[in-house]
Amino acid sequence: MPRAVYVLGLAIFAQGTSELMLAGLLPGMADDLGVSVPDVGLLISAFAIGMLVGAPVLAVLTLRWAHRRALLAFLAVFTATHVIGAVTPDYWVLFGTRVVGAFVYAGFWAVAAATAVSLVPPTARGKAMGTLVGGLTVAAIVGLPAGTVVGQHLGWRAAFWAVAAMSVVAMVGVAATVPAGRRSSEDVPRTRDELRAVALPRLWLLYGTTALSTSGLLVIFSYLGALLTETTGVAESWVPAVLVLYGVGALLGIVVGGRTADAHAVPTLYVGFAGLVVVSAALALTAAWAAPTVALVFLLGLVGFGTNPTLNSRAFGMVDGSATLVAAGNVVAFNIGITVGPWLGGLAIDAGAGLASTAWIGAVLGVLALGAVALGQGRPRTTARERPRTKVNA
């Protein structure tokens, strides 16, 4: 695997830590900024908004840029937003930095994915995407608790400074390892070709599959802490340890899924989504007992993230070349799932269905994802001649 792919994974780790760490910093930020905890919680929503919009917009705006130039620009803006966020006393300035930071982070995801698959042969795309997604998984396992600890002992602003410092390190790595990509004019991708690439019906079905499966995982994970304490009866002090176990399962899923994504893409999706259905249903049925619930939390991370490399890399097999806008569509699909899943869970809980109902919703969404995979296999495959041709923007 080229060093640049690992560097891109490191950059995702740095930015993913920022995405996740606010969950552990809300009380301190609320006190310091003189606002309520729900107001600070809106900063998480602001990040989600920036992610949804940023990927397709920046994929188009920077389409004619070399990848290294775009990646460095995104990281520079991301670093600046965290420096400003670390020093501002104004809540709305901080809100704006979260939107802008997420905006360029989404653009980074799209270009980094296209860069990673352009640096490896088609048979290694799943491994490359697994490395990228692994950066976010490590952020959940290490970055989130580390950011929380830094925030508790040195203040939340120190956590922002730490993310800015890691982003600078990532910039150095990108500058040193990602090819400069000086190309002739005929190698420059055209917006028309990129738009043709994302017009494939099977590609949109894959995006829908991604959104469904991500919703199925996030509808459970978003309320997992409350489920553990209120339904299972796990002591609050043990919740972080259980969540780390989930992260370990997720990391193992990424590793295994990265190895099977290229040669066994469809079986990986079938096994992963079937696992999501079984684990979710079992979790709903056994949520009142600690031992099976803790074991199932580990398995939830394993099956939930085991399909991630395939979902990220499979789209590139449907077009000739590493279309940046195709990668942006993946980013949007994942973020739709991240947004819709918790919303569905909240509706069920507010209706009085209980916290265990989130696991039943996850099982249903897993069944729908399985159906989407089957539907995709039933559709006529696009031939190489029919595929839109896109240039590699390395």
Protein backbone atom coordinates (compact mmCIF):
# COMPACT_ATOMS: atom_id res chain seq x y z
CA MET A 1 0.00 0.00 0.00
CA PRO A 2 1.50 3.42 -0.93
CA ARG A 3 2.56 5.62 1.97
CA ALA A 4 0.23 8.34 0.73
CA VAL A 5 -2.81 6.17 1.53
CA TYR A 6 -1.69 5.82 5.16
CA VAL A 7 -1.08 9.56 5.33
CA LEU A 8 -4.60 10.18 4.07
CA GLY A 9 -5.86 7.84 6.78
CA LEU A 10 -3.94 9.91 9.33
CA ALA A 11 -5.55 13.08 8.00
CA ILE A 12 -8.99 11.46 8.31
CA PHE A 13 -8.10 10.54 11.90
CA ALA A 14 -7.24 14.16 12.72
CA GLN A 15 -10.40 15.55 11.17
CA GLY A 16 -12.57 12.70 12.42
CA THR A 17 -11.42 13.41 15.97
CA SER A 18 -12.85 16.90 15.60
CA GLU A 19 -16.10 15.49 14.24
CA LEU A 20 -16.54 13.17 17.22
CA MET A 21 -14.93 14.89 20.20
CA LEU A 22 -17.66 17.46 20.89
CA ALA A 23 -19.81 14.70 22.43
CA GLY A 24 -17.43 14.67 25.41
CA LEU A 25 -16.89 18.44 25.61
CA LEU A 26 -20.47 19.79 25.74
CA PRO A 27 -20.73 20.74 29.45
CA GLY A 28 -17.40 22.59 29.57
CA MET A 29 -18.10 24.42 26.33
CA ALA A 30 -21.55 25.46 27.53
CA ASP A 31 -20.13 26.93 30.76
CA ASP A 32 -17.31 28.75 29.00
CA LEU A 33 -19.45 30.20 26.22
CA GLY A 34 -22.39 31.08 28.46
CA VAL A 35 -24.94 29.03 26.51
CA SER A 36 -27.00 25.93 27.23
CA VAL A 37 -25.85 22.37 26.59
CA PRO A 38 -28.51 21.97 23.82
CA ASP A 39 -27.10 25.11 22.17
CA VAL A 40 -23.66 23.54 22.13
CA GLY A 41 -25.25 20.36 20.84
CA LEU A 42 -26.31 22.34 17.78
CA LEU A 43 -22.62 22.57 16.89
CA ILE A 44 -22.83 18.85 16.10
CA SER A 45 -25.76 19.54 13.78
CA ALA A 46 -23.78 22.37 12.20
CA PHE A 47 -21.01 19.91 11.40
CA ALA A 48 -23.51 17.53 9.80
CA ILE A 49 -24.87 20.33 7.61
CA GLY A 50 -21.39 21.21 6.40
CA MET A 51 -20.64 17.56 5.61
CA LEU A 52 -23.80 17.08 3.55
CA VAL A 53 -23.18 20.14 1.41
CA GLY A 54 -19.40 20.19 1.21
CA ALA A 55 -18.65 16.94 -0.62
CA PRO A 56 -20.51 17.51 -3.93
CA VAL A 57 -19.89 21.28 -4.02
CA LEU A 58 -16.14 21.07 -3.46
CA ALA A 59 -15.81 18.01 -5.69
CA VAL A 60 -17.08 20.12 -8.59
CA LEU A 61 -15.30 23.38 -7.68
CA THR A 62 -11.89 21.71 -7.36
CA LEU A 63 -12.36 19.20 -10.16
CA ARG A 64 -9.63 20.71 -12.35
CA TRP A 65 -7.18 20.94 -9.45
CA ALA A 66 -4.49 18.34 -8.86
CA HIS A 67 -5.46 16.21 -5.89
CA ARG A 68 -2.53 17.27 -3.74
CA ARG A 69 -3.38 20.93 -4.20
CA ALA A 70 -7.03 20.34 -3.23
CA LEU A 71 -6.13 18.20 -0.20
CA LEU A 72 -3.67 20.78 1.11
CA ALA A 73 -6.17 23.60 0.60
CA PHE A 74 -8.86 21.71 2.51
CA LEU A 75 -6.50 20.90 5.37
CA ALA A 76 -5.32 24.51 5.56
CA VAL A 77 -8.88 25.80 5.89
CA PHE A 78 -9.73 23.05 8.38
CA THR A 79 -6.72 24.02 10.50
CA ALA A 80 -7.68 27.70 10.37
CA THR A 81 -11.23 26.98 11.53
CA HIS A 82 -9.88 25.20 14.60
CA VAL A 83 -7.43 27.96 15.43
CA ILE A 84 -10.26 30.50 15.21
CA GLY A 85 -12.55 28.19 17.19
CA ALA A 86 -9.92 27.80 19.89
CA VAL A 87 -9.60 31.54 20.51
CA THR A 88 -13.07 32.95 19.88
CA PRO A 89 -15.33 33.84 22.82
CA ASP A 90 -18.36 34.09 20.54
CA TYR A 91 -20.72 31.14 20.14
CA TRP A 92 -21.87 32.10 16.65
CA VAL A 93 -18.32 32.49 15.37
CA LEU A 94 -17.65 29.00 16.68
CA PHE A 95 -20.84 27.79 15.00
CA GLY A 96 -19.62 29.20 11.69
CA THR A 97 -16.20 27.55 12.06
CA ARG A 98 -17.90 24.19 12.59
CA VAL A 99 -19.91 24.56 9.38
CA VAL A 100 -16.87 25.65 7.36
CA GLY A 101 -14.63 23.00 8.92
CA ALA A 102 -17.12 20.25 8.10
CA PHE A 103 -17.56 21.69 4.59
CA VAL A 104 -13.88 21.26 3.74
CA TYR A 105 -13.66 17.97 5.67
CA ALA A 106 -16.35 16.54 3.36
CA GLY A 107 -14.42 17.81 0.36
CA PHE A 108 -11.28 16.20 1.75
CA TRP A 109 -13.10 12.86 2.10
CA ALA A 110 -14.23 12.96 -1.54
CA VAL A 111 -10.83 13.88 -2.97
CA ALA A 112 -8.95 11.57 -0.59
CA ALA A 113 -11.09 8.63 -1.71
CA ALA A 114 -10.48 9.41 -5.37
CA THR A 115 -6.76 9.84 -4.65
CA ALA A 116 -6.48 6.57 -2.74
CA VAL A 117 -8.08 4.47 -5.49
CA SER A 118 -5.97 6.21 -8.13
CA LEU A 119 -2.77 5.17 -6.34
CA VAL A 120 -3.54 1.44 -6.19
CA PRO A 121 -4.58 -1.18 -8.74
CA PRO A 122 -8.31 -2.01 -9.03
CA THR A 123 -7.74 -5.21 -7.02
CA ALA A 124 -6.59 -3.20 -3.98
CA ARG A 125 -9.28 -0.48 -3.88
CA GLY A 126 -11.09 -2.08 -0.96
CA LYS A 127 -7.90 -2.22 1.11
CA ALA A 128 -7.15 1.41 0.30
CA MET A 129 -10.64 2.52 1.33
CA GLY A 130 -10.38 0.36 4.43
CA THR A 131 -7.26 2.30 5.40
CA LEU A 132 -9.07 5.60 4.92
CA VAL A 133 -12.13 4.54 6.90
CA GLY A 134 -9.82 3.03 9.50
CA GLY A 135 -8.65 6.55 10.27
CA LEU A 136 -12.17 7.49 11.34
CA THR A 137 -12.56 4.27 13.32
CA VAL A 138 -9.34 4.96 15.22
CA ALA A 139 -10.66 8.48 15.85
CA ALA A 140 -13.69 6.90 17.52
CA ILE A 141 -11.55 4.56 19.60
CA VAL A 142 -8.66 6.90 20.46
CA GLY A 143 -9.47 10.43 19.32
CA LEU A 144 -12.84 10.78 21.03
CA PRO A 145 -11.73 9.68 24.52
CA ALA A 146 -8.39 11.49 24.17
CA GLY A 147 -10.15 14.71 23.16
CA THR A 148 -12.48 14.33 26.12
CA VAL A 149 -9.57 13.83 28.54
CA VAL A 150 -7.71 16.84 27.13
CA GLY A 151 -10.87 18.92 27.38
CA GLN A 152 -11.52 17.87 30.97
CA HIS A 153 -7.99 18.64 32.17
CA LEU A 154 -6.86 21.52 29.94
CA GLY A 155 -10.16 22.95 28.71
CA TRP A 156 -12.07 22.38 25.49
CA ARG A 157 -9.98 24.95 23.63
CA ALA A 158 -6.89 22.78 24.13
CA ALA A 159 -8.67 19.97 22.30
CA PHE A 160 -9.24 22.32 19.35
CA TRP A 161 -5.55 23.29 19.38
CA ALA A 162 -4.61 19.59 19.37
CA VAL A 163 -6.75 18.96 16.28
CA ALA A 164 -5.18 21.96 14.55
CA ALA A 165 -1.70 20.60 15.32
CA MET A 166 -2.57 17.14 13.99
CA SER A 167 -3.96 18.73 10.83
CA VAL A 168 -0.68 20.57 10.26
CA VAL A 169 1.18 17.26 10.60
CA ALA A 170 -1.21 15.75 8.07
CA MET A 171 -0.51 18.63 5.68
CA VAL A 172 3.21 17.89 5.86
CA GLY A 173 2.53 14.23 5.14
CA VAL A 174 0.25 15.00 2.18
CA ALA A 175 2.81 17.40 0.71
CA ALA A 176 5.53 14.77 1.03
CA THR A 177 3.70 11.69 -0.26
CA VAL A 178 0.79 12.57 -2.58
CA PRO A 179 1.95 13.05 -6.19
CA ALA A 180 1.91 16.63 -7.42
CA GLY A 181 -0.19 15.54 -10.40
CA ARG A 182 1.00 17.91 -13.12
CA ARG A 183 -0.99 16.86 -16.16
CA SER A 184 -1.54 17.77 -19.75
CA SER A 185 -4.81 19.46 -20.66
CA GLU A 186 -6.36 16.28 -22.05
CA ASP A 187 -5.91 14.57 -18.65
CA VAL A 188 -8.00 17.18 -16.85
CA PRO A 189 -11.41 15.71 -15.96
CA ARG A 190 -14.50 17.48 -17.23
CA THR A 191 -17.57 18.27 -15.17
CA ARG A 192 -19.71 16.74 -17.91
CA ASP A 193 -17.89 13.40 -17.58
CA GLU A 194 -18.20 13.46 -13.81
CA LEU A 195 -21.93 14.16 -13.99
CA ARG A 196 -22.34 11.31 -16.46
CA ALA A 197 -20.48 9.07 -14.02
CA VAL A 198 -22.98 9.70 -11.23
CA ALA A 199 -26.00 9.24 -13.53
CA LEU A 200 -25.79 5.43 -13.46
CA PRO A 201 -28.94 3.92 -11.84
CA ARG A 202 -26.90 1.14 -10.23
CA LEU A 203 -24.67 3.74 -8.63
CA TRP A 204 -27.65 5.49 -7.05
CA LEU A 205 -28.93 2.14 -5.83
CA LEU A 206 -25.55 1.63 -4.16
CA TYR A 207 -25.81 5.07 -2.56
CA GLY A 208 -29.26 4.10 -1.27
CA THR A 209 -27.84 0.87 0.12
CA THR A 210 -25.14 2.85 1.90
CA ALA A 211 -27.67 5.25 3.41
CA LEU A 212 -29.90 2.38 4.58
CA SER A 213 -27.12 0.38 6.21
CA THR A 214 -25.59 3.45 7.85
CA SER A 215 -28.99 4.45 9.22
CA GLY A 216 -29.42 0.92 10.57
CA LEU A 217 -26.14 1.12 12.45
CA LEU A 218 -26.47 4.72 13.67
CA VAL A 219 -30.06 4.37 14.90
CA ILE A 220 -28.67 1.94 17.49
CA PHE A 221 -25.28 3.50 18.18
CA SER A 222 -26.70 6.99 18.76
CA TYR A 223 -28.72 5.75 21.75
CA LEU A 224 -26.36 3.01 22.87
CA GLY A 225 -25.17 4.84 25.99
CA ALA A 226 -28.73 5.44 27.16
CA LEU A 227 -29.69 1.84 26.34
CA LEU A 228 -26.78 0.50 28.39
CA THR A 229 -27.58 2.57 31.48
CA GLU A 230 -31.38 2.74 31.41
CA THR A 231 -32.37 -0.63 29.92
CA THR A 232 -29.40 -2.94 30.51
CA GLY A 233 -28.47 -1.48 33.89
CA VAL A 234 -24.76 -1.02 33.16
CA ALA A 235 -23.10 1.46 35.53
CA GLU A 236 -22.42 4.79 33.85
CA SER A 237 -18.72 4.49 34.65
CA TRP A 238 -18.55 1.32 32.52
CA VAL A 239 -20.20 2.80 29.44
CA PRO A 240 -16.93 4.18 27.95
CA ALA A 241 -15.34 0.73 28.23
CA VAL A 242 -18.27 -0.87 26.40
CA LEU A 243 -18.04 1.79 23.69
CA VAL A 244 -14.32 1.06 23.31
CA LEU A 245 -15.30 -2.59 22.81
CA TYR A 246 -17.63 -1.43 20.04
CA GLY A 247 -14.71 0.49 18.53
CA VAL A 248 -12.47 -2.56 18.64
CA GLY A 249 -15.15 -4.54 16.83
CA ALA A 250 -15.45 -1.73 14.26
CA LEU A 251 -11.69 -1.69 13.66
CA LEU A 252 -11.62 -5.46 13.25
CA GLY A 253 -14.55 -5.18 10.84
CA ILE A 254 -12.67 -2.60 8.78
CA VAL A 255 -9.59 -4.85 8.59
CA VAL A 256 -11.54 -7.96 7.59
CA GLY A 257 -13.85 -6.04 5.26
CA GLY A 258 -10.90 -4.39 3.58
CA ARG A 259 -9.47 -7.82 2.74
CA THR A 260 -12.70 -9.16 1.26
CA ALA A 261 -14.02 -6.01 -0.46
CA ASP A 262 -12.14 -6.43 -3.72
CA ALA A 263 -12.49 -10.16 -4.42
CA HIS A 264 -15.81 -10.84 -2.66
CA ALA A 265 -17.72 -7.57 -2.69
CA VAL A 266 -21.30 -8.86 -2.96
CA PRO A 267 -20.86 -11.74 -0.46
CA THR A 268 -19.31 -9.22 1.95
CA LEU A 269 -22.40 -7.03 1.71
CA TYR A 270 -24.77 -9.98 2.14
CA VAL A 271 -22.92 -11.31 5.17
CA GLY A 272 -22.49 -7.87 6.74
CA PHE A 273 -26.11 -6.78 6.33
CA ALA A 274 -27.44 -10.18 7.42
CA GLY A 275 -25.20 -9.83 10.47
CA LEU A 276 -26.64 -6.38 11.14
CA VAL A 277 -30.16 -7.84 11.06
CA VAL A 278 -29.32 -10.73 13.39
CA VAL A 279 -27.27 -8.70 15.86
CA SER A 280 -29.84 -5.88 15.97
CA ALA A 281 -32.73 -8.29 16.61
CA ALA A 282 -30.73 -10.14 19.26
CA LEU A 283 -29.85 -6.84 20.93
CA ALA A 284 -33.53 -5.84 21.04
CA LEU A 285 -34.44 -9.19 22.63
CA THR A 286 -31.64 -9.33 25.21
CA ALA A 287 -31.20 -5.62 26.06
CA ALA A 288 -32.21 -6.24 29.69
CA TRP A 289 -29.20 -8.51 30.34
CA ALA A 290 -25.65 -7.17 30.56
CA ALA A 291 -23.54 -10.11 29.35
CA PRO A 292 -25.25 -10.73 26.00
CA THR A 293 -25.69 -6.99 25.40
CA VAL A 294 -21.98 -6.26 25.86
CA ALA A 295 -21.05 -9.13 23.52
CA LEU A 296 -23.58 -7.92 20.94
CA VAL A 297 -22.18 -4.36 21.11
CA PHE A 298 -18.81 -5.76 19.99
CA LEU A 299 -20.51 -7.71 17.19
CA LEU A 300 -22.48 -4.62 16.17
CA GLY A 301 -19.23 -2.75 15.53
CA LEU A 302 -17.84 -5.76 13.66
CA VAL A 303 -20.75 -6.26 11.23
CA GLY A 304 -21.59 -2.56 11.00
CA PHE A 305 -18.14 -1.56 9.78
CA GLY A 306 -17.24 -4.77 7.94
CA THR A 307 -19.18 -3.59 4.88
CA ASN A 308 -17.70 -0.09 4.92
CA PRO A 309 -14.70 -0.70 2.62
CA THR A 310 -16.95 -2.40 0.07
CA LEU A 311 -19.52 0.38 0.14
CA ASN A 312 -16.74 2.93 -0.34
CA SER A 313 -14.83 1.12 -3.09
CA ARG A 314 -17.61 -0.57 -5.06
CA ALA A 315 -18.77 2.69 -6.61
CA PHE A 316 -15.42 3.15 -8.36
CA GLY A 317 -15.82 -0.20 -10.12
CA MET A 318 -18.90 1.16 -11.87
CA VAL A 319 -16.97 3.89 -13.71
CA ASP A 320 -13.69 4.01 -15.62
CA GLY A 321 -11.36 6.01 -13.41
CA SER A 322 -11.59 7.57 -9.94
CA ALA A 323 -14.40 10.07 -10.37
CA THR A 324 -14.26 12.61 -7.56
CA LEU A 325 -17.98 13.32 -7.79
CA VAL A 326 -18.68 9.59 -7.41
CA ALA A 327 -16.69 9.69 -4.16
CA ALA A 328 -18.62 12.78 -3.09
CA GLY A 329 -21.86 10.86 -3.59
CA ASN A 330 -20.56 8.23 -1.17
CA VAL A 331 -19.83 10.89 1.44
CA VAL A 332 -23.35 12.32 1.07
CA ALA A 333 -24.92 8.85 1.31
CA PHE A 334 -23.08 8.06 4.53
CA ASN A 335 -24.05 11.39 6.05
CA ILE A 336 -27.68 10.95 5.09
CA GLY A 337 -27.57 7.68 7.00
CA ILE A 338 -25.87 9.38 9.95
CA THR A 339 -28.64 11.99 10.00
CA VAL A 340 -31.68 9.78 9.35
CA GLY A 341 -30.80 6.94 11.73
CA PRO A 342 -30.79 8.98 14.96
CA TRP A 343 -33.90 10.85 13.78
CA LEU A 344 -35.83 7.59 13.33
CA GLY A 345 -34.68 6.39 16.73
CA GLY A 346 -35.78 9.65 18.34
CA LEU A 347 -39.23 9.32 16.79
CA ALA A 348 -39.65 5.82 18.21
CA ILE A 349 -38.43 6.79 21.67
CA ASP A 350 -40.64 9.89 21.77
CA ALA A 351 -43.61 7.68 20.81
CA GLY A 352 -42.98 5.57 23.92
CA ALA A 353 -41.56 2.50 22.17
CA GLY A 354 -38.54 2.37 24.47
CA LEU A 355 -34.82 2.38 23.81
CA ALA A 356 -34.76 -1.23 22.65
CA SER A 357 -36.97 -0.19 19.72
CA THR A 358 -33.92 1.41 18.10
CA ALA A 359 -32.46 -2.09 17.64
CA TRP A 360 -35.66 -3.29 15.96
CA ILE A 361 -35.45 -0.31 13.59
CA GLY A 362 -31.84 -1.24 12.87
CA ALA A 363 -32.94 -4.78 11.99
CA VAL A 364 -35.62 -3.50 9.59
CA LEU A 365 -33.17 -1.15 7.88
CA GLY A 366 -30.72 -4.05 7.58
CA VAL A 367 -33.40 -6.10 5.79
CA LEU A 368 -34.01 -3.19 3.41
CA ALA A 369 -30.26 -2.95 2.74
CA LEU A 370 -30.21 -6.67 1.91
CA GLY A 371 -33.09 -6.11 -0.50
CA ALA A 372 -31.22 -3.25 -2.16
CA VAL A 373 -28.18 -5.48 -2.72
CA ALA A 374 -30.39 -8.19 -4.24
CA LEU A 375 -32.08 -5.61 -6.46
CA GLY A 376 -28.69 -4.35 -7.62
CA GLN A 377 -27.67 -7.88 -8.58
CA GLY A 378 -30.88 -8.31 -10.53
CA ARG A 379 -30.33 -5.19 -12.66
CA PRO A 380 -28.46 -5.55 -15.96
CA ARG A 381 -24.81 -4.77 -15.45
CA THR A 382 -23.35 -1.73 -17.18
CA THR A 383 -20.82 -2.80 -19.77
CA ALA A 384 -17.41 -1.21 -20.06
CA ARG A 385 -18.50 0.45 -23.30
CA GLU A 386 -21.57 1.98 -21.62
CA ARG A 387 -19.70 3.24 -18.62
CA PRO A 388 -18.93 6.95 -18.53
CA ARG A 389 -15.22 7.49 -18.82
CA THR A 390 -13.63 9.70 -16.20
CA LYS A 391 -10.04 10.80 -15.87
CA VAL A 392 -7.88 10.07 -12.88
CA ASN A 393 -7.17 13.32 -11.08
CA ALA A 394 -4.01 12.35 -9.25
